[in-house]
Amino acid sequence: MKNERLVAAARKGGRKSKGPRRARTLRVPMDFDTQIEEAAERSGFDDVNGFLLDVLTRAEAAGLFEVASPPMRQQRLRLGA
């Protein structure tokens, strides 16, 4: 009975679920992070995650995912001579 009350209490309040999500970690330079936070605030978002998701959604809709190029990597050398 106690668990049922705790579960019911946990469902009260808060924002509406945005559906299933997967957590990702993104490390950005500090100055770029500041720019992202300021852009999110200027755009009216109450959280940076929502802002970044909006930016990524717009980039995908514009076809930018197909033209994205991977970062330069070191040349792979063949084993042996």
PDB file of N, CA and C in Angstrom:
ATOM      1  N   MET A   1       0.817  -1.187   0.000  1.00  0.00           N
ATOM      2  CA  MET A   1       0.000   0.000   0.000  1.00  0.00           C
ATOM      3  C   MET A   1       0.868   1.260   0.000  1.00  0.00           C
ATOM      4  N   LYS A   2       1.942   1.233   0.783  1.00  0.00           N
ATOM      5  CA  LYS A   2       2.824   2.386   0.867  1.00  0.00           C
ATOM      6  C   LYS A   2       3.470   2.671  -0.490  1.00  0.00           C
ATOM      7  N   ASN A   3       3.894   1.617  -1.193  1.00  0.00           N
ATOM      8  CA  ASN A   3       4.499   1.793  -2.515  1.00  0.00           C
ATOM      9  C   ASN A   3       3.523   2.407  -3.503  1.00  0.00           C
ATOM     10  N   GLU A   4       2.254   2.014  -3.430  1.00  0.00           N
ATOM     11  CA  GLU A   4       1.246   2.569  -4.331  1.00  0.00           C
ATOM     12  C   GLU A   4       1.093   4.065  -4.118  1.00  0.00           C
ATOM     13  N   ARG A   5       1.137   4.522  -2.864  1.00  0.00           N
ATOM     14  CA  ARG A   5       1.039   5.955  -2.576  1.00  0.00           C
ATOM     15  C   ARG A   5       2.265   6.697  -3.087  1.00  0.00           C
ATOM     16  N   LEU A   6       3.431   6.089  -2.959  1.00  0.00           N
ATOM     17  CA  LEU A   6       4.646   6.729  -3.447  1.00  0.00           C
ATOM     18  C   LEU A   6       4.622   6.872  -4.967  1.00  0.00           C
ATOM     19  N   VAL A   7       4.168   5.841  -5.655  1.00  0.00           N
ATOM     20  CA  VAL A   7       4.079   5.890  -7.106  1.00  0.00           C
ATOM     21  C   VAL A   7       3.072   6.950  -7.529  1.00  0.00           C
ATOM     22  N   ALA A   8       1.921   6.998  -6.871  1.00  0.00           N
ATOM     23  CA  ALA A   8       0.905   7.997  -7.194  1.00  0.00           C
ATOM     24  C   ALA A   8       1.427   9.398  -6.935  1.00  0.00           C
ATOM     25  N   ALA A   9       2.160   9.589  -5.859  1.00  0.00           N
ATOM     26  CA  ALA A   9       2.718  10.900  -5.544  1.00  0.00           C
ATOM     27  C   ALA A   9       3.761  11.308  -6.579  1.00  0.00           C
ATOM     28  N   ALA A  10       4.498  10.346  -7.085  1.00  0.00           N
ATOM     29  CA  ALA A  10       5.535  10.648  -8.076  1.00  0.00           C
ATOM     30  C   ALA A  10       4.929  11.096  -9.397  1.00  0.00           C
ATOM     31  N   ARG A  11       3.707  10.709  -9.687  1.00  0.00           N
ATOM     32  CA  ARG A  11       3.050  11.068 -10.944  1.00  0.00           C
ATOM     33  C   ARG A  11       2.452  12.469 -10.924  1.00  0.00           C
ATOM     34  N   LYS A  12       2.320  13.073  -9.777  1.00  0.00           N
ATOM     35  CA  LYS A  12       1.701  14.391  -9.690  1.00  0.00           C
ATOM     36  C   LYS A  12       2.686  15.465 -10.122  1.00  0.00           C
ATOM     37  N   GLY A  13       2.176  16.469 -10.818  1.00  0.00           N
ATOM     38  CA  GLY A  13       2.997  17.619 -11.164  1.00  0.00           C
ATOM     39  C   GLY A  13       4.036  17.305 -12.214  1.00  0.00           C
ATOM     40  N   GLY A  14       4.924  18.254 -12.412  1.00  0.00           N
ATOM     41  CA  GLY A  14       5.986  18.081 -13.402  1.00  0.00           C
ATOM     42  C   GLY A  14       5.484  18.321 -14.809  1.00  0.00           C
ATOM     43  N   ARG A  15       6.389  18.263 -15.750  1.00  0.00           N
ATOM     44  CA  ARG A  15       6.021  18.485 -17.144  1.00  0.00           C
ATOM     45  C   ARG A  15       5.500  17.203 -17.773  1.00  0.00           C
ATOM     46  N   LYS A  16       4.788  17.342 -18.849  1.00  0.00           N
ATOM     47  CA  LYS A  16       4.274  16.196 -19.582  1.00  0.00           C
ATOM     48  C   LYS A  16       5.451  15.438 -20.205  1.00  0.00           C
ATOM     49  N   SER A  17       5.364  14.143 -20.216  1.00  0.00           N
ATOM     50  CA  SER A  17       6.424  13.310 -20.785  1.00  0.00           C
ATOM     51  C   SER A  17       6.624  13.640 -22.259  1.00  0.00           C
ATOM     52  N   LYS A  18       7.878  13.662 -22.690  1.00  0.00           N
ATOM     53  CA  LYS A  18       8.203  13.886 -24.094  1.00  0.00           C
ATOM     54  C   LYS A  18       8.453  12.568 -24.810  1.00  0.00           C
ATOM     55  N   GLY A  19       8.113  11.463 -24.161  1.00  0.00           N
ATOM     56  CA  GLY A  19       8.282  10.151 -24.768  1.00  0.00           C
ATOM     57  C   GLY A  19       9.618   9.529 -24.416  1.00  0.00           C
ATOM     58  N   PRO A  20       9.878   8.357 -24.955  1.00  0.00           N
ATOM     59  CA  PRO A  20      11.127   7.656 -24.631  1.00  0.00           C
ATOM     60  C   PRO A  20      12.341   8.477 -25.067  1.00  0.00           C
ATOM     61  N   ARG A  21      13.354   8.493 -24.249  1.00  0.00           N
ATOM     62  CA  ARG A  21      14.566   9.264 -24.532  1.00  0.00           C
ATOM     63  C   ARG A  21      15.796   8.422 -24.238  1.00  0.00           C
ATOM     64  N   ARG A  22      16.897   8.781 -24.844  1.00  0.00           N
ATOM     65  CA  ARG A  22      18.196   8.177 -24.562  1.00  0.00           C
ATOM     66  C   ARG A  22      19.122   9.319 -24.144  1.00  0.00           C
ATOM     67  N   ALA A  23      19.832   9.137 -23.070  1.00  0.00           N
ATOM     68  CA  ALA A  23      20.761  10.151 -22.588  1.00  0.00           C
ATOM     69  C   ALA A  23      22.046  10.111 -23.412  1.00  0.00           C
ATOM     70  N   ARG A  24      22.550  11.284 -23.759  1.00  0.00           N
ATOM     71  CA  ARG A  24      23.816  11.422 -24.467  1.00  0.00           C
ATOM     72  C   ARG A  24      24.630  12.478 -23.739  1.00  0.00           C
ATOM     73  N   THR A  25      25.934  12.333 -23.755  1.00  0.00           N
ATOM     74  CA  THR A  25      26.827  13.316 -23.161  1.00  0.00           C
ATOM     75  C   THR A  25      27.617  13.979 -24.269  1.00  0.00           C
ATOM     76  N   LEU A  26      27.653  15.291 -24.252  1.00  0.00           N
ATOM     77  CA  LEU A  26      28.376  16.055 -25.254  1.00  0.00           C
ATOM     78  C   LEU A  26      29.314  17.007 -24.535  1.00  0.00           C
ATOM     79  N   ARG A  27      30.596  16.910 -24.812  1.00  0.00           N
ATOM     80  CA  ARG A  27      31.572  17.805 -24.193  1.00  0.00           C
ATOM     81  C   ARG A  27      31.914  18.897 -25.196  1.00  0.00           C
ATOM     82  N   VAL A  28      31.721  20.133 -24.787  1.00  0.00           N
ATOM     83  CA  VAL A  28      32.009  21.273 -25.657  1.00  0.00           C
ATOM     84  C   VAL A  28      32.965  22.220 -24.939  1.00  0.00           C
ATOM     85  N   PRO A  29      33.742  22.999 -25.709  1.00  0.00           N
ATOM     86  CA  PRO A  29      34.600  24.004 -25.075  1.00  0.00           C
ATOM     87  C   PRO A  29      33.760  24.979 -24.246  1.00  0.00           C
ATOM     88  N   MET A  30      34.332  25.467 -23.160  1.00  0.00           N
ATOM     89  CA  MET A  30      33.600  26.327 -22.227  1.00  0.00           C
ATOM     90  C   MET A  30      32.998  27.563 -22.908  1.00  0.00           C
ATOM     91  N   ASP A  31      33.769  28.226 -23.781  1.00  0.00           N
ATOM     92  CA  ASP A  31      33.242  29.433 -24.425  1.00  0.00           C
ATOM     93  C   ASP A  31      32.086  29.097 -25.362  1.00  0.00           C
ATOM     94  N   PHE A  32      32.142  27.936 -26.009  1.00  0.00           N
ATOM     95  CA  PHE A  32      31.051  27.520 -26.886  1.00  0.00           C
ATOM     96  C   PHE A  32      29.818  27.166 -26.064  1.00  0.00           C
ATOM     97  N   ASP A  33      30.026  26.568 -24.898  1.00  0.00           N
ATOM     98  CA  ASP A  33      28.915  26.244 -24.011  1.00  0.00           C
ATOM     99  C   ASP A  33      28.173  27.509 -23.597  1.00  0.00           C
ATOM    100  N   THR A  34      28.927  28.547 -23.306  1.00  0.00           N
ATOM    101  CA  THR A  34      28.314  29.830 -22.939  1.00  0.00           C
ATOM    102  C   THR A  34      27.473  30.361 -24.099  1.00  0.00           C
ATOM    103  N   GLN A  35      27.986  30.251 -25.314  1.00  0.00           N
ATOM    104  CA  GLN A  35      27.233  30.698 -26.489  1.00  0.00           C
ATOM    105  C   GLN A  35      25.939  29.901 -26.654  1.00  0.00           C
ATOM    106  N   ILE A  36      26.015  28.594 -26.429  1.00  0.00           N
ATOM    107  CA  ILE A  36      24.825  27.737 -26.542  1.00  0.00           C
ATOM    108  C   ILE A  36      23.785  28.144 -25.502  1.00  0.00           C
ATOM    109  N   GLU A  37      24.208  28.342 -24.258  1.00  0.00           N
ATOM    110  CA  GLU A  37      23.276  28.731 -23.198  1.00  0.00           C
ATOM    111  C   GLU A  37      22.625  30.064 -23.496  1.00  0.00           C
ATOM    112  N   GLU A  38      23.406  31.024 -23.975  1.00  0.00           N
ATOM    113  CA  GLU A  38      22.855  32.346 -24.301  1.00  0.00           C
ATOM    114  C   GLU A  38      21.874  32.265 -25.472  1.00  0.00           C
ATOM    115  N   ALA A  39      22.200  31.452 -26.475  1.00  0.00           N
ATOM    116  CA  ALA A  39      21.304  31.291 -27.624  1.00  0.00           C
ATOM    117  C   ALA A  39      19.997  30.624 -27.201  1.00  0.00           C
ATOM    118  N   ALA A  40      20.075  29.646 -26.315  1.00  0.00           N
ATOM    119  CA  ALA A  40      18.867  28.973 -25.824  1.00  0.00           C
ATOM    120  C   ALA A  40      17.983  29.965 -25.083  1.00  0.00           C
ATOM    121  N   GLU A  41      18.590  30.797 -24.258  1.00  0.00           N
ATOM    122  CA  GLU A  41      17.819  31.790 -23.497  1.00  0.00           C
ATOM    123  C   GLU A  41      17.188  32.823 -24.435  1.00  0.00           C
ATOM    124  N   ARG A  42      17.965  33.318 -25.411  1.00  0.00           N
ATOM    125  CA  ARG A  42      17.430  34.294 -26.374  1.00  0.00           C
ATOM    126  C   ARG A  42      16.273  33.708 -27.175  1.00  0.00           C
ATOM    127  N   SER A  43      16.337  32.402 -27.436  1.00  0.00           N
ATOM    128  CA  SER A  43      15.304  31.743 -28.246  1.00  0.00           C
ATOM    129  C   SER A  43      14.072  31.368 -27.440  1.00  0.00           C
ATOM    130  N   GLY A  44      14.122  31.600 -26.128  1.00  0.00           N
ATOM    131  CA  GLY A  44      12.959  31.339 -25.299  1.00  0.00           C
ATOM    132  C   GLY A  44      12.880  29.931 -24.738  1.00  0.00           C
ATOM    133  N   PHE A  45      13.937  29.155 -24.850  1.00  0.00           N
ATOM    134  CA  PHE A  45      13.939  27.798 -24.289  1.00  0.00           C
ATOM    135  C   PHE A  45      14.272  27.875 -22.807  1.00  0.00           C
ATOM    136  N   ASP A  46      13.616  27.040 -22.015  1.00  0.00           N
ATOM    137  CA  ASP A  46      13.905  27.023 -20.575  1.00  0.00           C
ATOM    138  C   ASP A  46      14.984  26.006 -20.231  1.00  0.00           C
ATOM    139  N   ASP A  47      15.441  25.233 -21.235  1.00  0.00           N
ATOM    140  CA  ASP A  47      16.544  24.310 -20.998  1.00  0.00           C
ATOM    141  C   ASP A  47      17.364  24.162 -22.269  1.00  0.00           C
ATOM    142  N   VAL A  48      18.656  23.927 -22.103  1.00  0.00           N
ATOM    143  CA  VAL A  48      19.572  23.805 -23.232  1.00  0.00           C
ATOM    144  C   VAL A  48      19.273  22.553 -24.049  1.00  0.00           C
ATOM    145  N   ASN A  49      18.858  21.474 -23.409  1.00  0.00           N
ATOM    146  CA  ASN A  49      18.566  20.234 -24.136  1.00  0.00           C
ATOM    147  C   ASN A  49      17.477  20.457 -25.182  1.00  0.00           C
ATOM    148  N   GLY A  50      16.413  21.138 -24.807  1.00  0.00           N
ATOM    149  CA  GLY A  50      15.345  21.422 -25.756  1.00  0.00           C
ATOM    150  C   GLY A  50      15.831  22.262 -26.923  1.00  0.00           C
ATOM    151  N   PHE A  51      16.675  23.232 -26.624  1.00  0.00           N
ATOM    152  CA  PHE A  51      17.242  24.086 -27.668  1.00  0.00           C
ATOM    153  C   PHE A  51      18.089  23.264 -28.631  1.00  0.00           C
ATOM    154  N   LEU A  52      18.996  22.445 -28.091  1.00  0.00           N
ATOM    155  CA  LEU A  52      19.860  21.631 -28.948  1.00  0.00           C
ATOM    156  C   LEU A  52      19.052  20.644 -29.781  1.00  0.00           C
ATOM    157  N   LEU A  53      18.021  20.064 -29.201  1.00  0.00           N
ATOM    158  CA  LEU A  53      17.169  19.150 -29.956  1.00  0.00           C
ATOM    159  C   LEU A  53      16.479  19.891 -31.095  1.00  0.00           C
ATOM    160  N   ASP A  54      16.029  21.118 -30.852  1.00  0.00           N
ATOM    161  CA  ASP A  54      15.408  21.924 -31.900  1.00  0.00           C
ATOM    162  C   ASP A  54      16.403  22.225 -33.018  1.00  0.00           C
ATOM    163  N   VAL A  55      17.625  22.610 -32.645  1.00  0.00           N
ATOM    164  CA  VAL A  55      18.653  22.897 -33.645  1.00  0.00           C
ATOM    165  C   VAL A  55      18.961  21.660 -34.476  1.00  0.00           C
ATOM    166  N   LEU A  56      19.113  20.508 -33.823  1.00  0.00           N
ATOM    167  CA  LEU A  56      19.400  19.266 -34.545  1.00  0.00           C
ATOM    168  C   LEU A  56      18.242  18.855 -35.452  1.00  0.00           C
ATOM    169  N   THR A  57      17.016  19.052 -34.977  1.00  0.00           N
ATOM    170  CA  THR A  57      15.838  18.718 -35.788  1.00  0.00           C
ATOM    171  C   THR A  57      15.804  19.578 -37.046  1.00  0.00           C
ATOM    172  N   ARG A  58      16.104  20.870 -36.887  1.00  0.00           N
ATOM    173  CA  ARG A  58      16.127  21.773 -38.052  1.00  0.00           C
ATOM    174  C   ARG A  58      17.254  21.402 -39.011  1.00  0.00           C
ATOM    175  N   ALA A  59      18.419  21.037 -38.482  1.00  0.00           N
ATOM    176  CA  ALA A  59      19.545  20.647 -39.329  1.00  0.00           C
ATOM    177  C   ALA A  59      19.214  19.387 -40.123  1.00  0.00           C
ATOM    178  N   GLU A  60      18.579  18.423 -39.471  1.00  0.00           N
ATOM    179  CA  GLU A  60      18.195  17.187 -40.160  1.00  0.00           C
ATOM    180  C   GLU A  60      17.164  17.482 -41.243  1.00  0.00           C
ATOM    181  N   ALA A  61      16.187  18.340 -40.937  1.00  0.00           N
ATOM    182  CA  ALA A  61      15.145  18.683 -41.910  1.00  0.00           C
ATOM    183  C   ALA A  61      15.735  19.413 -43.117  1.00  0.00           C
ATOM    184  N   ALA A  62      16.812  20.163 -42.891  1.00  0.00           N
ATOM    185  CA  ALA A  62      17.462  20.903 -43.977  1.00  0.00           C
ATOM    186  C   ALA A  62      18.425  20.031 -44.785  1.00  0.00           C
ATOM    187  N   GLY A  63      18.547  18.748 -44.410  1.00  0.00           N
ATOM    188  CA  GLY A  63      19.413  17.838 -45.133  1.00  0.00           C
ATOM    189  C   GLY A  63      20.879  17.927 -44.744  1.00  0.00           C
ATOM    190  N   LEU A  64      21.166  18.569 -43.624  1.00  0.00           N
ATOM    191  CA  LEU A  64      22.558  18.744 -43.224  1.00  0.00           C
ATOM    192  C   LEU A  64      23.192  17.474 -42.677  1.00  0.00           C
ATOM    193  N   PHE A  65      22.397  16.500 -42.279  1.00  0.00           N
ATOM    194  CA  PHE A  65      22.989  15.263 -41.776  1.00  0.00           C
ATOM    195  C   PHE A  65      23.704  14.513 -42.903  1.00  0.00           C
ATOM    196  N   GLU A  66      23.163  14.593 -44.116  1.00  0.00           N
ATOM    197  CA  GLU A  66      23.760  13.882 -45.243  1.00  0.00           C
ATOM    198  C   GLU A  66      25.072  14.513 -45.687  1.00  0.00           C
ATOM    199  N   VAL A  67      25.249  15.815 -45.498  1.00  0.00           N
ATOM    200  CA  VAL A  67      26.456  16.487 -45.972  1.00  0.00           C
ATOM    201  C   VAL A  67      27.507  16.644 -44.878  1.00  0.00           C
ATOM    202  N   ALA A  68      27.188  16.215 -43.672  1.00  0.00           N
ATOM    203  CA  ALA A  68      28.154  16.326 -42.582  1.00  0.00           C
ATOM    204  C   ALA A  68      29.336  15.413 -42.875  1.00  0.00           C
ATOM    205  N   SER A  69      30.517  15.935 -42.650  1.00  0.00           N
ATOM    206  CA  SER A  69      31.708  15.120 -42.900  1.00  0.00           C
ATOM    207  C   SER A  69      32.384  14.793 -41.578  1.00  0.00           C
ATOM    208  N   PRO A  70      32.928  13.600 -41.481  1.00  0.00           N
ATOM    209  CA  PRO A  70      33.594  13.215 -40.233  1.00  0.00           C
ATOM    210  C   PRO A  70      34.852  14.053 -40.031  1.00  0.00           C
ATOM    211  N   PRO A  71      35.293  14.184 -38.796  1.00  0.00           N
ATOM    212  CA  PRO A  71      36.506  14.959 -38.541  1.00  0.00           C
ATOM    213  C   PRO A  71      37.727  14.286 -39.157  1.00  0.00           C
ATOM    214  N   MET A  72      38.741  15.081 -39.454  1.00  0.00           N
ATOM    215  CA  MET A  72      39.988  14.534 -39.989  1.00  0.00           C
ATOM    216  C   MET A  72      40.611  13.603 -38.950  1.00  0.00           C
ATOM    217  N   ARG A  73      41.055  12.482 -39.384  1.00  0.00           N
ATOM    218  CA  ARG A  73      41.693  11.517 -38.490  1.00  0.00           C
ATOM    219  C   ARG A  73      43.088  11.207 -39.027  1.00  0.00           C
ATOM    220  N   GLN A  74      43.880  10.610 -38.199  1.00  0.00           N
ATOM    221  CA  GLN A  74      45.204  10.217 -38.644  1.00  0.00           C
ATOM    222  C   GLN A  74      45.089   9.158 -39.735  1.00  0.00           C
ATOM    223  N   GLN A  75      46.031   9.191 -40.635  1.00  0.00           N
ATOM    224  CA  GLN A  75      46.051   8.216 -41.711  1.00  0.00           C
ATOM    225  C   GLN A  75      46.356   6.833 -41.137  1.00  0.00           C
ATOM    226  N   ARG A  76      45.617   5.847 -41.582  1.00  0.00           N
ATOM    227  CA  ARG A  76      45.886   4.474 -41.138  1.00  0.00           C
ATOM    228  C   ARG A  76      47.010   3.899 -41.979  1.00  0.00           C
ATOM    229  N   LEU A  77      47.966   3.332 -41.300  1.00  0.00           N
ATOM    230  CA  LEU A  77      49.087   2.719 -41.986  1.00  0.00           C
ATOM    231  C   LEU A  77      48.878   1.213 -42.048  1.00  0.00           C
ATOM    232  N   ARG A  78      49.329   0.622 -43.167  1.00  0.00           N
ATOM    233  CA  ARG A  78      49.233  -0.828 -43.305  1.00  0.00           C
ATOM    234  C   ARG A  78      50.236  -1.487 -42.379  1.00  0.00           C
ATOM    235  N   LEU A  79      49.830  -2.620 -41.856  1.00  0.00           N
ATOM    236  CA  LEU A  79      50.764  -3.394 -41.037  1.00  0.00           C
ATOM    237  C   LEU A  79      51.754  -4.106 -41.932  1.00  0.00           C
ATOM    238  N   GLY A  80      53.008  -4.147 -41.533  1.00  0.00           N
ATOM    239  CA  GLY A  80      54.033  -4.823 -42.342  1.00  0.00           C
ATOM    240  C   GLY A  80      54.608  -3.871 -43.366  1.00  0.00           C
ATOM    241  N   ALA A  81      55.596  -4.356 -44.084  1.00  0.00           N
ATOM    242  CA  ALA A  81      56.257  -3.481 -45.057  1.00  0.00           C
ATOM    243  C   ALA A  81      56.027  -3.875 -46.458  1.00  0.00           C
TER     244      ALA A  81
END
